[in-house]
């Protein structure tokens, strides 16, 4: 079992034009976990960084937009270089209730896994369920939710994701998980609640055209990374290995 104090963890919040919600997200994390919070401003054009600092976060401002994964990796590298033993990543849109965050730490301690993903199956529409079934067949990853932005990485996972090999994974959801699984890193899921967005929309599921492009590019990424001769069973749902 892995014992991890929230004081050893850096909360990393990638954000692009989330001025309406980022402040409340930062405040919720600080209130619930008491850990340091880093907002990685992915070249926002609004007051995201100002709102984040006002709520008590440190801010890392990127001069150009790197996308969700580029911003997340910048935060993970910051954590690794500053001696943190874990990273909690979450979205800046306010969909992850702060009171649910301790559930990930509890599951990490209980399961001894390296990565815990907070999942909310109830939010999945029929098209998403079909898409995830396709990705499970393609990748061999036994996950129920591929796009949850709520993840807790331990120090072993951090080192893998901070490495150059993890750069340029444009479709972070699947690419990151395949990279971790290929290194033998244990991934589990734990149920967490999720709110509806109060502002903006999903950048992955903004339209059918965007979804089609996401699935096509993710398929190409998966095929390029698959090693069928050595692929390992990657994850266990709710912390129970199969």
Protein backbone atom coordinates (compact mmCIF):
# COMPACT_ATOMS: atom_id res chain seq x y z
CA UNK A 1 0.00 0.00 0.00
CA UNK A 2 1.15 3.53 -0.83
CA UNK A 3 1.01 6.22 1.85
CA UNK A 4 0.89 9.72 0.42
CA UNK A 5 0.26 12.98 2.21
CA UNK A 6 -1.57 15.71 0.33
CA UNK A 7 1.28 18.00 1.42
CA UNK A 8 3.57 15.99 -0.86
CA UNK A 9 1.28 16.61 -3.82
CA UNK A 10 1.06 19.45 -6.31
CA UNK A 11 -2.36 20.11 -7.82
CA UNK A 12 -1.88 20.96 -11.49
CA UNK A 13 -4.68 22.72 -13.33
CA UNK A 14 -4.16 23.28 -17.07
CA UNK A 15 -6.30 26.20 -18.14
CA UNK A 16 -7.05 28.08 -21.33
CA UNK A 17 -9.55 30.94 -21.17
CA UNK A 18 -11.22 29.69 -17.96
CA UNK A 19 -11.48 32.99 -16.12
CA UNK A 20 -15.09 32.29 -15.12
CA UNK A 21 -14.30 29.12 -13.15
CA UNK A 22 -10.59 28.77 -12.39
CA UNK A 23 -10.71 30.83 -9.19
CA UNK A 24 -13.38 28.68 -7.57
CA UNK A 25 -11.54 25.50 -8.62
CA UNK A 26 -8.30 26.72 -7.03
CA UNK A 27 -10.11 27.73 -3.86
CA UNK A 28 -11.85 24.35 -3.64
CA UNK A 29 -8.61 22.41 -4.01
CA UNK A 30 -6.82 24.53 -1.41
CA UNK A 31 -9.70 24.24 1.03
CA UNK A 32 -10.11 20.48 0.63
CA UNK A 33 -6.53 19.25 0.30
CA UNK A 34 -4.39 22.07 1.68
CA UNK A 35 -1.75 21.41 -0.99
CA UNK A 36 0.02 23.81 -3.32
CA UNK A 37 -1.84 24.58 -6.51
CA UNK A 38 -0.26 25.37 -9.86
CA UNK A 39 -2.35 26.73 -12.71
CA UNK A 40 -0.66 26.29 -16.08
CA UNK A 41 -2.04 29.09 -18.24
CA UNK A 42 -2.02 27.75 -21.79
CA UNK A 43 -1.68 31.15 -23.52
CA UNK A 44 -5.09 32.37 -22.40
CA UNK A 45 -6.47 35.57 -23.87
CA UNK A 46 -8.66 36.42 -20.88
CA UNK A 47 -7.92 36.96 -17.19
CA UNK A 48 -7.32 33.31 -16.29
CA UNK A 49 -3.92 33.89 -14.71
CA UNK A 50 -5.14 36.92 -12.73
CA UNK A 51 -8.11 34.98 -11.35
CA UNK A 52 -5.90 32.03 -10.47
CA UNK A 53 -3.39 34.15 -8.55
CA UNK A 54 -6.19 35.98 -6.75
CA UNK A 55 -7.48 32.60 -5.52
CA UNK A 56 -4.04 31.66 -4.16
CA UNK A 57 -2.51 29.57 -6.95
CA UNK A 58 0.93 29.78 -8.40
CA UNK A 59 0.78 30.39 -12.13
CA UNK A 60 2.99 29.11 -14.90
CA UNK A 61 2.29 31.11 -18.05
CA UNK A 62 3.04 29.45 -21.38
CA UNK A 63 4.03 31.86 -24.18
CA UNK A 64 2.28 29.74 -26.80
CA UNK A 65 -0.61 27.34 -26.57
CA UNK A 66 0.61 23.76 -26.10
CA UNK A 67 -2.79 22.15 -25.70
CA UNK A 68 -4.14 20.26 -22.71
CA UNK A 69 -1.36 17.70 -22.57
CA UNK A 70 1.48 20.16 -23.18
CA UNK A 71 0.18 22.30 -20.31
CA UNK A 72 -0.29 19.26 -18.06
CA UNK A 73 3.22 18.00 -18.78
CA UNK A 74 4.67 21.43 -18.01
CA UNK A 75 3.00 21.20 -14.59
CA UNK A 76 4.27 17.65 -14.02
CA UNK A 77 7.81 18.71 -14.89
CA UNK A 78 7.51 21.65 -12.50
CA UNK A 79 6.41 19.24 -9.76
CA UNK A 80 9.27 16.80 -10.46
CA UNK A 81 11.87 19.56 -10.37
CA UNK A 82 10.52 20.94 -7.11
CA UNK A 83 10.53 17.70 -5.15
CA UNK A 84 6.84 16.79 -5.14
CA UNK A 85 5.99 13.11 -4.82
CA UNK A 86 2.66 13.22 -6.62
CA UNK A 87 0.59 15.30 -9.01
CA UNK A 88 -3.16 15.67 -8.93
CA UNK A 89 -4.37 16.95 -12.28
CA UNK A 90 -7.86 18.33 -12.73
CA UNK A 91 -9.78 20.49 -15.15
CA UNK A 92 -10.26 24.21 -14.67
CA UNK A 93 -13.93 24.19 -15.70
CA UNK A 94 -15.33 23.30 -12.27
CA UNK A 95 -16.74 19.89 -13.20
CA UNK A 96 -14.82 18.03 -10.49
CA UNK A 97 -16.29 18.77 -7.02
CA UNK A 98 -13.54 19.57 -4.55
CA UNK A 99 -15.00 17.25 -1.91
CA UNK A 100 -14.41 14.26 -4.21
CA UNK A 101 -10.64 14.79 -4.48
CA UNK A 102 -9.69 12.81 -1.33
CA UNK A 103 -11.26 9.73 -2.95
CA UNK A 104 -8.29 9.49 -5.31
CA UNK A 105 -5.79 9.54 -2.44
CA UNK A 106 -7.80 6.90 -0.59
CA UNK A 107 -7.79 4.64 -3.66
CA UNK A 108 -4.05 5.13 -4.21
CA UNK A 109 -3.38 4.04 -0.63
CA UNK A 110 -5.81 1.13 -0.82
CA UNK A 111 -4.74 -0.27 -4.19
CA UNK A 112 -1.04 0.49 -4.26
CA UNK A 113 -1.47 1.67 -7.87
CA UNK A 114 0.66 4.34 -9.53
CA UNK A 115 -2.20 6.20 -11.16
CA UNK A 116 -5.79 6.75 -10.05
CA UNK A 117 -8.38 8.15 -12.45
CA UNK A 118 -11.60 9.68 -11.17
CA UNK A 119 -14.39 8.47 -13.42
CA UNK A 120 -18.08 9.28 -13.72
CA UNK A 121 -19.77 6.74 -15.96
CA UNK A 122 -23.14 8.46 -15.62
CA UNK A 123 -21.88 11.38 -17.72
CA UNK A 124 -21.19 9.20 -20.75
CA UNK A 125 -23.58 9.48 -23.66
CA UNK A 126 -24.27 6.52 -25.94
CA UNK A 127 -21.79 7.80 -28.60
CA UNK A 128 -19.08 8.10 -25.93
CA UNK A 129 -19.81 4.61 -24.62
CA UNK A 130 -19.47 3.21 -28.13
CA UNK A 131 -16.27 5.19 -28.71
CA UNK A 132 -14.76 3.95 -25.45
CA UNK A 133 -15.66 0.36 -26.31
CA UNK A 134 -13.82 0.79 -29.60
CA UNK A 135 -10.77 2.22 -27.82
CA UNK A 136 -10.77 -0.62 -25.29
CA UNK A 137 -10.66 -3.13 -28.12
CA UNK A 138 -7.97 -1.19 -29.96
CA UNK A 139 -5.65 -0.53 -27.04
CA UNK A 140 -6.26 -3.37 -24.61
CA UNK A 141 -6.79 -0.81 -21.84
CA UNK A 142 -9.57 -1.95 -19.52
CA UNK A 143 -10.81 1.53 -18.73
CA UNK A 144 -14.37 2.77 -18.62
CA UNK A 145 -13.59 6.47 -19.19
CA UNK A 146 -10.74 7.61 -21.42
CA UNK A 147 -11.15 11.38 -21.15
CA UNK A 148 -11.44 12.11 -17.45
CA UNK A 149 -9.19 15.02 -16.57
CA UNK A 150 -9.14 14.04 -12.90
CA UNK A 151 -6.02 11.94 -12.29
CA UNK A 152 -3.58 11.32 -9.44
CA UNK A 153 -0.03 10.34 -10.47
CA UNK A 154 2.55 9.01 -8.04
CA UNK A 155 6.28 9.69 -8.32
CA UNK A 156 6.92 6.74 -10.65
CA UNK A 157 4.23 7.89 -13.08
CA UNK A 158 5.47 11.48 -12.82
CA UNK A 159 8.97 10.48 -13.93
CA UNK A 160 7.58 8.69 -16.97
CA UNK A 161 5.33 11.59 -17.96
CA UNK A 162 8.03 14.23 -17.42
CA UNK A 163 10.40 12.45 -19.80
CA UNK A 164 10.92 13.57 -23.42
CA UNK A 165 9.22 10.38 -24.61
CA UNK A 166 5.92 11.74 -23.26
CA UNK A 167 6.12 14.99 -25.23
CA UNK A 168 3.95 15.75 -28.25
CA UNK A 169 1.15 13.37 -27.29
CA UNK A 170 -1.52 15.51 -28.93
CA UNK A 171 -4.33 13.25 -27.78
CA UNK A 172 -3.37 13.00 -24.15
CA UNK A 173 -6.20 10.81 -22.99
CA UNK A 174 -5.20 7.66 -24.82
CA UNK A 175 -1.56 8.40 -25.62
CA UNK A 176 -0.62 9.06 -22.01
CA UNK A 177 -2.42 5.95 -20.80
CA UNK A 178 -0.78 3.74 -23.42
CA UNK A 179 2.64 5.11 -22.54
CA UNK A 180 2.10 4.45 -18.84
CA UNK A 181 0.72 0.96 -19.44
CA UNK A 182 3.63 0.13 -21.73
CA UNK A 183 6.01 0.90 -18.85
CA UNK A 184 4.15 -1.49 -16.56
CA UNK A 185 2.66 1.32 -14.49
CA UNK A 186 -0.51 0.30 -12.65
CA UNK A 187 -3.62 2.33 -13.38
CA UNK A 188 -6.94 2.07 -11.55
CA UNK A 189 -10.21 3.96 -11.65
CA UNK A 190 -12.41 5.10 -8.80
CA UNK A 191 -15.94 6.51 -9.06
CA UNK A 192 -16.22 10.26 -8.55
CA UNK A 193 -19.11 12.68 -9.10
CA UNK A 194 -19.00 15.22 -11.90
CA UNK A 195 -20.95 18.41 -12.46
CA UNK A 196 -22.29 19.80 -15.70
CA UNK A 197 -20.20 22.60 -17.20
CA UNK A 198 -21.52 26.04 -16.29
CA UNK A 199 -19.41 27.85 -18.88
CA UNK A 200 -17.90 26.91 -22.26
CA UNK A 201 -17.91 23.44 -23.81
CA UNK A 202 -15.78 20.37 -24.31
CA UNK A 203 -13.00 20.97 -26.83
CA UNK A 204 -12.93 17.27 -27.74
CA UNK A 205 -16.68 16.85 -28.18
CA UNK A 206 -17.59 20.29 -29.46
CA UNK A 207 -19.09 18.90 -32.70
CA UNK A 208 -19.36 15.66 -34.64
CA UNK A 209 -16.58 16.85 -36.93
CA UNK A 210 -14.29 17.37 -33.94
CA UNK A 211 -15.24 13.95 -32.55
CA UNK A 212 -14.50 12.29 -35.89
CA UNK A 213 -11.10 13.98 -36.08
CA UNK A 214 -10.35 12.98 -32.48
CA UNK A 215 -11.22 9.34 -33.13
CA UNK A 216 -9.26 9.22 -36.38
CA UNK A 217 -6.14 10.78 -34.91
CA UNK A 218 -6.41 8.69 -31.76
CA UNK A 219 -6.68 5.54 -33.89
CA UNK A 220 -3.52 6.48 -35.78
CA UNK A 221 -1.76 7.23 -32.48
CA UNK A 222 -2.83 3.88 -31.04
CA UNK A 223 -1.68 1.93 -34.07
CA UNK A 224 1.66 3.71 -34.05
CA UNK A 225 2.24 2.85 -30.38
CA UNK A 226 0.88 -0.67 -30.25
CA UNK A 227 3.34 -3.49 -29.64
CA UNK A 228 1.12 -6.54 -29.79
CA UNK A 229 3.96 -8.89 -28.88
CA UNK A 230 4.63 -7.31 -25.52
CA UNK A 231 1.48 -5.39 -24.64
CA UNK A 232 0.62 -5.85 -20.98
CA UNK A 233 -2.78 -5.77 -19.28
CA UNK A 234 -2.91 -2.16 -18.30
CA UNK A 235 -5.55 -1.26 -15.80
CA UNK A 236 -7.94 -2.43 -13.19
CA UNK A 237 -11.38 -0.90 -12.77
CA UNK A 238 -12.19 0.35 -9.25
CA UNK A 239 -8.80 -0.90 -8.07
CA UNK A 240 -9.49 -4.60 -8.59
CA UNK A 241 -7.10 -6.26 -11.02
CA UNK A 242 -8.45 -8.82 -13.46
